[in-house]
Amino acid sequence: MKDLVAGVPASRLFRELMREDRSIDARELGDILADEFPDISPAASVAIWKWMNPSRGYEFPDEQIDALISHYLKEAGYTT
């Protein structure tokens, strides 16, 4: 997850994590993110859930999750 601070897009990093461990789902990604960045808004986990669940009626393209996670990291003071 530290790669997010270095500018790696969240969608790319999340997909890599899920490829490496097929048991990772939206809830687990949110938990990992919150563990790594404890000051991040809980809204980041909600955004991940929406991004990973398009069948529930959410249209959440990669660019949107990338922008949101970047925003929440900046808001929490992890990036500038």
PDB file of N, CA and C in Angstrom:
ATOM      1  N   MET A   1       0.808  -1.206   0.000  1.00  0.00           N
ATOM      2  CA  MET A   1       0.000   0.000   0.000  1.00  0.00           C
ATOM      3  C   MET A   1       0.853   1.273   0.000  1.00  0.00           C
ATOM      4  N   LYS A   2       2.069   1.160   0.468  1.00  0.00           N
ATOM      5  CA  LYS A   2       2.937   2.354   0.491  1.00  0.00           C
ATOM      6  C   LYS A   2       3.164   2.906  -0.919  1.00  0.00           C
ATOM      7  N   ASP A   3       2.979   2.062  -1.943  1.00  0.00           N
ATOM      8  CA  ASP A   3       3.137   2.530  -3.321  1.00  0.00           C
ATOM      9  C   ASP A   3       2.119   3.601  -3.679  1.00  0.00           C
ATOM     10  N   LEU A   4       0.988   3.630  -2.978  1.00  0.00           N
ATOM     11  CA  LEU A   4      -0.012   4.667  -3.235  1.00  0.00           C
ATOM     12  C   LEU A   4       0.568   6.048  -2.971  1.00  0.00           C
ATOM     13  N   VAL A   5       1.369   6.167  -1.929  1.00  0.00           N
ATOM     14  CA  VAL A   5       1.998   7.442  -1.583  1.00  0.00           C
ATOM     15  C   VAL A   5       3.010   7.849  -2.653  1.00  0.00           C
ATOM     16  N   ALA A   6       3.591   6.860  -3.311  1.00  0.00           N
ATOM     17  CA  ALA A   6       4.566   7.127  -4.365  1.00  0.00           C
ATOM     18  C   ALA A   6       3.893   7.458  -5.696  1.00  0.00           C
ATOM     19  N   GLY A   7       2.560   7.400  -5.729  1.00  0.00           N
ATOM     20  CA  GLY A   7       1.848   7.786  -6.943  1.00  0.00           C
ATOM     21  C   GLY A   7       1.313   6.649  -7.795  1.00  0.00           C
ATOM     22  N   VAL A   8       1.464   5.412  -7.359  1.00  0.00           N
ATOM     23  CA  VAL A   8       0.906   4.288  -8.106  1.00  0.00           C
ATOM     24  C   VAL A   8      -0.621   4.379  -8.017  1.00  0.00           C
ATOM     25  N   PRO A   9      -1.318   4.304  -9.159  1.00  0.00           N
ATOM     26  CA  PRO A   9      -2.778   4.384  -9.126  1.00  0.00           C
ATOM     27  C   PRO A   9      -3.384   3.269  -8.268  1.00  0.00           C
ATOM     28  N   ALA A  10      -4.374   3.637  -7.476  1.00  0.00           N
ATOM     29  CA  ALA A  10      -5.020   2.681  -6.570  1.00  0.00           C
ATOM     30  C   ALA A  10      -5.586   1.484  -7.329  1.00  0.00           C
ATOM     31  N   SER A  11      -6.214   1.735  -8.465  1.00  0.00           N
ATOM     32  CA  SER A  11      -6.825   0.627  -9.214  1.00  0.00           C
ATOM     33  C   SER A  11      -5.771  -0.400  -9.624  1.00  0.00           C
ATOM     34  N   ARG A  12      -4.609   0.057 -10.044  1.00  0.00           N
ATOM     35  CA  ARG A  12      -3.539  -0.860 -10.451  1.00  0.00           C
ATOM     36  C   ARG A  12      -3.020  -1.656  -9.251  1.00  0.00           C
ATOM     37  N   LEU A  13      -2.768  -0.953  -8.148  1.00  0.00           N
ATOM     38  CA  LEU A  13      -2.258  -1.618  -6.959  1.00  0.00           C
ATOM     39  C   LEU A  13      -3.277  -2.614  -6.401  1.00  0.00           C
ATOM     40  N   PHE A  14      -4.529  -2.217  -6.334  1.00  0.00           N
ATOM     41  CA  PHE A  14      -5.563  -3.102  -5.803  1.00  0.00           C
ATOM     42  C   PHE A  14      -5.702  -4.362  -6.662  1.00  0.00           C
ATOM     43  N   ARG A  15      -5.660  -4.196  -7.981  1.00  0.00           N
ATOM     44  CA  ARG A  15      -5.760  -5.370  -8.865  1.00  0.00           C
ATOM     45  C   ARG A  15      -4.554  -6.298  -8.684  1.00  0.00           C
ATOM     46  N   GLU A  16      -3.372  -5.729  -8.522  1.00  0.00           N
ATOM     47  CA  GLU A  16      -2.179  -6.549  -8.284  1.00  0.00           C
ATOM     48  C   GLU A  16      -2.327  -7.352  -6.991  1.00  0.00           C
ATOM     49  N   LEU A  17      -2.803  -6.691  -5.937  1.00  0.00           N
ATOM     50  CA  LEU A  17      -3.002  -7.384  -4.661  1.00  0.00           C
ATOM     51  C   LEU A  17      -4.014  -8.519  -4.805  1.00  0.00           C
ATOM     52  N   MET A  18      -5.085  -8.266  -5.542  1.00  0.00           N
ATOM     53  CA  MET A  18      -6.117  -9.290  -5.722  1.00  0.00           C
ATOM     54  C   MET A  18      -5.627 -10.446  -6.592  1.00  0.00           C
ATOM     55  N   ARG A  19      -4.752 -10.146  -7.543  1.00  0.00           N
ATOM     56  CA  ARG A  19      -4.166 -11.224  -8.369  1.00  0.00           C
ATOM     57  C   ARG A  19      -3.239 -12.100  -7.530  1.00  0.00           C
ATOM     58  N   GLU A  20      -2.489 -11.462  -6.647  1.00  0.00           N
ATOM     59  CA  GLU A  20      -1.558 -12.200  -5.790  1.00  0.00           C
ATOM     60  C   GLU A  20      -2.280 -13.048  -4.750  1.00  0.00           C
ATOM     61  N   ASP A  21      -3.406 -12.557  -4.274  1.00  0.00           N
ATOM     62  CA  ASP A  21      -4.170 -13.275  -3.247  1.00  0.00           C
ATOM     63  C   ASP A  21      -5.649 -13.205  -3.613  1.00  0.00           C
ATOM     64  N   ARG A  22      -6.154 -14.274  -4.193  1.00  0.00           N
ATOM     65  CA  ARG A  22      -7.536 -14.309  -4.693  1.00  0.00           C
ATOM     66  C   ARG A  22      -8.584 -14.220  -3.584  1.00  0.00           C
ATOM     67  N   SER A  23      -8.166 -14.343  -2.340  1.00  0.00           N
ATOM     68  CA  SER A  23      -9.130 -14.251  -1.240  1.00  0.00           C
ATOM     69  C   SER A  23      -9.440 -12.801  -0.859  1.00  0.00           C
ATOM     70  N   ILE A  24      -8.677 -11.849  -1.396  1.00  0.00           N
ATOM     71  CA  ILE A  24      -8.892 -10.445  -1.067  1.00  0.00           C
ATOM     72  C   ILE A  24     -10.131  -9.936  -1.789  1.00  0.00           C
ATOM     73  N   ASP A  25     -11.036  -9.357  -1.008  1.00  0.00           N
ATOM     74  CA  ASP A  25     -12.239  -8.752  -1.567  1.00  0.00           C
ATOM     75  C   ASP A  25     -12.268  -7.273  -1.174  1.00  0.00           C
ATOM     76  N   ALA A  26     -13.374  -6.606  -1.467  1.00  0.00           N
ATOM     77  CA  ALA A  26     -13.487  -5.172  -1.199  1.00  0.00           C
ATOM     78  C   ALA A  26     -13.308  -4.864   0.285  1.00  0.00           C
ATOM     79  N   ARG A  27     -13.915  -5.670   1.138  1.00  0.00           N
ATOM     80  CA  ARG A  27     -13.807  -5.432   2.576  1.00  0.00           C
ATOM     81  C   ARG A  27     -12.345  -5.561   3.025  1.00  0.00           C
ATOM     82  N   GLU A  28     -11.669  -6.589   2.540  1.00  0.00           N
ATOM     83  CA  GLU A  28     -10.269  -6.808   2.910  1.00  0.00           C
ATOM     84  C   GLU A  28      -9.381  -5.670   2.409  1.00  0.00           C
ATOM     85  N   LEU A  29      -9.619  -5.212   1.179  1.00  0.00           N
ATOM     86  CA  LEU A  29      -8.834  -4.082   0.663  1.00  0.00           C
ATOM     87  C   LEU A  29      -9.022  -2.852   1.544  1.00  0.00           C
ATOM     88  N   GLY A  30     -10.260  -2.595   1.926  1.00  0.00           N
ATOM     89  CA  GLY A  30     -10.527  -1.464   2.812  1.00  0.00           C
ATOM     90  C   GLY A  30      -9.824  -1.608   4.148  1.00  0.00           C
ATOM     91  N   ASP A  31      -9.824  -2.831   4.681  1.00  0.00           N
ATOM     92  CA  ASP A  31      -9.143  -3.087   5.953  1.00  0.00           C
ATOM     93  C   ASP A  31      -7.634  -2.898   5.827  1.00  0.00           C
ATOM     94  N   ILE A  32      -7.071  -3.396   4.742  1.00  0.00           N
ATOM     95  CA  ILE A  32      -5.632  -3.248   4.509  1.00  0.00           C
ATOM     96  C   ILE A  32      -5.268  -1.766   4.403  1.00  0.00           C
ATOM     97  N   LEU A  33      -6.068  -1.026   3.644  1.00  0.00           N
ATOM     98  CA  LEU A  33      -5.827   0.399   3.473  1.00  0.00           C
ATOM     99  C   LEU A  33      -5.899   1.130   4.819  1.00  0.00           C
ATOM    100  N   ALA A  34      -6.913   0.815   5.615  1.00  0.00           N
ATOM    101  CA  ALA A  34      -7.075   1.466   6.922  1.00  0.00           C
ATOM    102  C   ALA A  34      -5.963   1.083   7.891  1.00  0.00           C
ATOM    103  N   ASP A  35      -5.493  -0.157   7.812  1.00  0.00           N
ATOM    104  CA  ASP A  35      -4.378  -0.575   8.669  1.00  0.00           C
ATOM    105  C   ASP A  35      -3.097   0.169   8.302  1.00  0.00           C
ATOM    106  N   GLU A  36      -2.883   0.313   7.003  1.00  0.00           N
ATOM    107  CA  GLU A  36      -1.665   0.965   6.516  1.00  0.00           C
ATOM    108  C   GLU A  36      -1.708   2.484   6.737  1.00  0.00           C
ATOM    109  N   PHE A  37      -2.901   3.051   6.601  1.00  0.00           N
ATOM    110  CA  PHE A  37      -3.089   4.496   6.730  1.00  0.00           C
ATOM    111  C   PHE A  37      -4.222   4.767   7.725  1.00  0.00           C
ATOM    112  N   PRO A  38      -3.951   4.676   9.019  1.00  0.00           N
ATOM    113  CA  PRO A  38      -5.006   4.753  10.029  1.00  0.00           C
ATOM    114  C   PRO A  38      -5.801   6.057  10.046  1.00  0.00           C
ATOM    115  N   ASP A  39      -5.242   7.125   9.527  1.00  0.00           N
ATOM    116  CA  ASP A  39      -5.947   8.406   9.542  1.00  0.00           C
ATOM    117  C   ASP A  39      -6.808   8.650   8.309  1.00  0.00           C
ATOM    118  N   ILE A  40      -6.845   7.689   7.391  1.00  0.00           N
ATOM    119  CA  ILE A  40      -7.629   7.872   6.176  1.00  0.00           C
ATOM    120  C   ILE A  40      -9.122   7.793   6.497  1.00  0.00           C
ATOM    121  N   SER A  41      -9.903   8.532   5.769  1.00  0.00           N
ATOM    122  CA  SER A  41     -11.353   8.562   5.979  1.00  0.00           C
ATOM    123  C   SER A  41     -11.976   7.193   5.714  1.00  0.00           C
ATOM    124  N   PRO A  42     -12.971   6.803   6.501  1.00  0.00           N
ATOM    125  CA  PRO A  42     -13.700   5.556   6.232  1.00  0.00           C
ATOM    126  C   PRO A  42     -14.380   5.583   4.855  1.00  0.00           C
ATOM    127  N   ALA A  43     -14.561   6.766   4.315  1.00  0.00           N
ATOM    128  CA  ALA A  43     -15.159   6.882   2.981  1.00  0.00           C
ATOM    129  C   ALA A  43     -14.293   6.201   1.917  1.00  0.00           C
ATOM    130  N   ALA A  44     -13.006   6.055   2.180  1.00  0.00           N
ATOM    131  CA  ALA A  44     -12.130   5.363   1.232  1.00  0.00           C
ATOM    132  C   ALA A  44     -12.548   3.900   1.097  1.00  0.00           C
ATOM    133  N   SER A  45     -12.903   3.271   2.200  1.00  0.00           N
ATOM    134  CA  SER A  45     -13.361   1.878   2.150  1.00  0.00           C
ATOM    135  C   SER A  45     -14.685   1.762   1.414  1.00  0.00           C
ATOM    136  N   VAL A  46     -15.560   2.727   1.611  1.00  0.00           N
ATOM    137  CA  VAL A  46     -16.840   2.744   0.893  1.00  0.00           C
ATOM    138  C   VAL A  46     -16.587   2.886  -0.605  1.00  0.00           C
ATOM    139  N   ALA A  47     -15.651   3.736  -0.968  1.00  0.00           N
ATOM    140  CA  ALA A  47     -15.319   3.924  -2.383  1.00  0.00           C
ATOM    141  C   ALA A  47     -14.793   2.628  -2.994  1.00  0.00           C
ATOM    142  N   ILE A  48     -13.955   1.912  -2.267  1.00  0.00           N
ATOM    143  CA  ILE A  48     -13.432   0.631  -2.757  1.00  0.00           C
ATOM    144  C   ILE A  48     -14.577  -0.349  -2.973  1.00  0.00           C
ATOM    145  N   TRP A  49     -15.488  -0.421  -2.024  1.00  0.00           N
ATOM    146  CA  TRP A  49     -16.619  -1.331  -2.133  1.00  0.00           C
ATOM    147  C   TRP A  49     -17.446  -1.008  -3.378  1.00  0.00           C
ATOM    148  N   LYS A  50     -17.708   0.265  -3.605  1.00  0.00           N
ATOM    149  CA  LYS A  50     -18.490   0.658  -4.784  1.00  0.00           C
ATOM    150  C   LYS A  50     -17.741   0.332  -6.071  1.00  0.00           C
ATOM    151  N   TRP A  51     -16.455   0.570  -6.078  1.00  0.00           N
ATOM    152  CA  TRP A  51     -15.643   0.295  -7.264  1.00  0.00           C
ATOM    153  C   TRP A  51     -15.656  -1.189  -7.596  1.00  0.00           C
ATOM    154  N   MET A  52     -15.621  -2.038  -6.569  1.00  0.00           N
ATOM    155  CA  MET A  52     -15.545  -3.487  -6.794  1.00  0.00           C
ATOM    156  C   MET A  52     -16.897  -4.154  -6.971  1.00  0.00           C
ATOM    157  N   ASN A  53     -17.992  -3.410  -6.860  1.00  0.00           N
ATOM    158  CA  ASN A  53     -19.320  -4.008  -6.943  1.00  0.00           C
ATOM    159  C   ASN A  53     -20.199  -3.336  -7.990  1.00  0.00           C
ATOM    160  N   PRO A  54     -19.777  -3.352  -9.252  1.00  0.00           N
ATOM    161  CA  PRO A  54     -20.591  -2.705 -10.291  1.00  0.00           C
ATOM    162  C   PRO A  54     -21.952  -3.380 -10.483  1.00  0.00           C
ATOM    163  N   SER A  55     -22.056  -4.644 -10.115  1.00  0.00           N
ATOM    164  CA  SER A  55     -23.323  -5.350 -10.274  1.00  0.00           C
ATOM    165  C   SER A  55     -24.403  -4.796  -9.342  1.00  0.00           C
ATOM    166  N   ARG A  56     -24.022  -4.024  -8.376  1.00  0.00           N
ATOM    167  CA  ARG A  56     -24.977  -3.421  -7.433  1.00  0.00           C
ATOM    168  C   ARG A  56     -25.447  -2.046  -7.914  1.00  0.00           C
ATOM    169  N   GLY A  57     -25.115  -1.724  -9.157  1.00  0.00           N
ATOM    170  CA  GLY A  57     -25.600  -0.484  -9.740  1.00  0.00           C
ATOM    171  C   GLY A  57     -24.656   0.697  -9.644  1.00  0.00           C
ATOM    172  N   TYR A  58     -23.429   0.475  -9.216  1.00  0.00           N
ATOM    173  CA  TYR A  58     -22.472   1.561  -9.103  1.00  0.00           C
ATOM    174  C   TYR A  58     -21.591   1.596 -10.347  1.00  0.00           C
ATOM    175  N   GLU A  59     -21.487   2.755 -10.942  1.00  0.00           N
ATOM    176  CA  GLU A  59     -20.568   2.974 -12.051  1.00  0.00           C
ATOM    177  C   GLU A  59     -19.359   3.703 -11.485  1.00  0.00           C
ATOM    178  N   PHE A  60     -18.307   2.973 -11.249  1.00  0.00           N
ATOM    179  CA  PHE A  60     -17.124   3.521 -10.597  1.00  0.00           C
ATOM    180  C   PHE A  60     -15.906   3.140 -11.422  1.00  0.00           C
ATOM    181  N   PRO A  61     -15.533   3.948 -12.408  1.00  0.00           N
ATOM    182  CA  PRO A  61     -14.368   3.613 -13.236  1.00  0.00           C
ATOM    183  C   PRO A  61     -13.055   3.728 -12.452  1.00  0.00           C
ATOM    184  N   ASP A  62     -12.030   3.116 -12.992  1.00  0.00           N
ATOM    185  CA  ASP A  62     -10.712   3.134 -12.356  1.00  0.00           C
ATOM    186  C   ASP A  62     -10.244   4.554 -12.042  1.00  0.00           C
ATOM    187  N   GLU A  63     -10.461   5.461 -12.984  1.00  0.00           N
ATOM    188  CA  GLU A  63     -10.005   6.839 -12.786  1.00  0.00           C
ATOM    189  C   GLU A  63     -10.651   7.472 -11.553  1.00  0.00           C
ATOM    190  N   GLN A  64     -11.878   7.094 -11.282  1.00  0.00           N
ATOM    191  CA  GLN A  64     -12.569   7.665 -10.137  1.00  0.00           C
ATOM    192  C   GLN A  64     -12.015   7.120  -8.818  1.00  0.00           C
ATOM    193  N   ILE A  65     -11.769   5.816  -8.756  1.00  0.00           N
ATOM    194  CA  ILE A  65     -11.207   5.266  -7.516  1.00  0.00           C
ATOM    195  C   ILE A  65      -9.784   5.790  -7.311  1.00  0.00           C
ATOM    196  N   ASP A  66      -9.031   5.924  -8.402  1.00  0.00           N
ATOM    197  CA  ASP A  66      -7.677   6.482  -8.295  1.00  0.00           C
ATOM    198  C   ASP A  66      -7.725   7.889  -7.706  1.00  0.00           C
ATOM    199  N   ALA A  67      -8.625   8.719  -8.229  1.00  0.00           N
ATOM    200  CA  ALA A  67      -8.737  10.103  -7.763  1.00  0.00           C
ATOM    201  C   ALA A  67      -9.219  10.160  -6.312  1.00  0.00           C
ATOM    202  N   LEU A  68     -10.194   9.327  -5.969  1.00  0.00           N
ATOM    203  CA  LEU A  68     -10.722   9.350  -4.605  1.00  0.00           C
ATOM    204  C   LEU A  68      -9.703   8.893  -3.574  1.00  0.00           C
ATOM    205  N   ILE A  69      -9.020   7.800  -3.855  1.00  0.00           N
ATOM    206  CA  ILE A  69      -8.020   7.318  -2.898  1.00  0.00           C
ATOM    207  C   ILE A  69      -6.903   8.347  -2.755  1.00  0.00           C
ATOM    208  N   SER A  70      -6.499   8.933  -3.854  1.00  0.00           N
ATOM    209  CA  SER A  70      -5.490   9.995  -3.806  1.00  0.00           C
ATOM    210  C   SER A  70      -5.986  11.162  -2.951  1.00  0.00           C
ATOM    211  N   HIS A  71      -7.224  11.543  -3.130  1.00  0.00           N
ATOM    212  CA  HIS A  71      -7.814  12.631  -2.346  1.00  0.00           C
ATOM    213  C   HIS A  71      -7.824  12.294  -0.852  1.00  0.00           C
ATOM    214  N   TYR A  72      -8.278  11.089  -0.516  1.00  0.00           N
ATOM    215  CA  TYR A  72      -8.355  10.709   0.904  1.00  0.00           C
ATOM    216  C   TYR A  72      -6.974  10.613   1.546  1.00  0.00           C
ATOM    217  N   LEU A  73      -5.981  10.150   0.788  1.00  0.00           N
ATOM    218  CA  LEU A  73      -4.615  10.128   1.310  1.00  0.00           C
ATOM    219  C   LEU A  73      -4.097  11.540   1.582  1.00  0.00           C
ATOM    220  N   LYS A  74      -4.382  12.443   0.648  1.00  0.00           N
ATOM    221  CA  LYS A  74      -3.949  13.827   0.817  1.00  0.00           C
ATOM    222  C   LYS A  74      -4.682  14.474   1.992  1.00  0.00           C
ATOM    223  N   GLU A  75      -5.986  14.243   2.060  1.00  0.00           N
ATOM    224  CA  GLU A  75      -6.802  14.803   3.137  1.00  0.00           C
ATOM    225  C   GLU A  75      -6.293  14.356   4.524  1.00  0.00           C
ATOM    226  N   ALA A  76      -5.815  13.129   4.602  1.00  0.00           N
ATOM    227  CA  ALA A  76      -5.317  12.583   5.871  1.00  0.00           C
ATOM    228  C   ALA A  76      -3.866  12.973   6.154  1.00  0.00           C
ATOM    229  N   GLY A  77      -3.221  13.661   5.199  1.00  0.00           N
ATOM    230  CA  GLY A  77      -1.864  14.129   5.415  1.00  0.00           C
ATOM    231  C   GLY A  77      -0.765  13.166   5.004  1.00  0.00           C
ATOM    232  N   TYR A  78      -1.117  12.108   4.248  1.00  0.00           N
ATOM    233  CA  TYR A  78      -0.107  11.138   3.821  1.00  0.00           C
ATOM    234  C   TYR A  78       0.613  11.583   2.550  1.00  0.00           C
ATOM    235  N   THR A  79      -0.016  12.445   1.771  1.00  0.00           N
ATOM    236  CA  THR A  79       0.611  12.976   0.555  1.00  0.00           C
ATOM    237  C   THR A  79       0.379  14.480   0.517  1.00  0.00           C
ATOM    238  N   THR A  80       1.093  15.121  -0.389  1.00  0.00           N
ATOM    239  CA  THR A  80       0.926  16.575  -0.530  1.00  0.00           C
ATOM    240  C   THR A  80       0.380  16.925  -1.881  1.00  0.00           C
TER     241      THR A  80
END
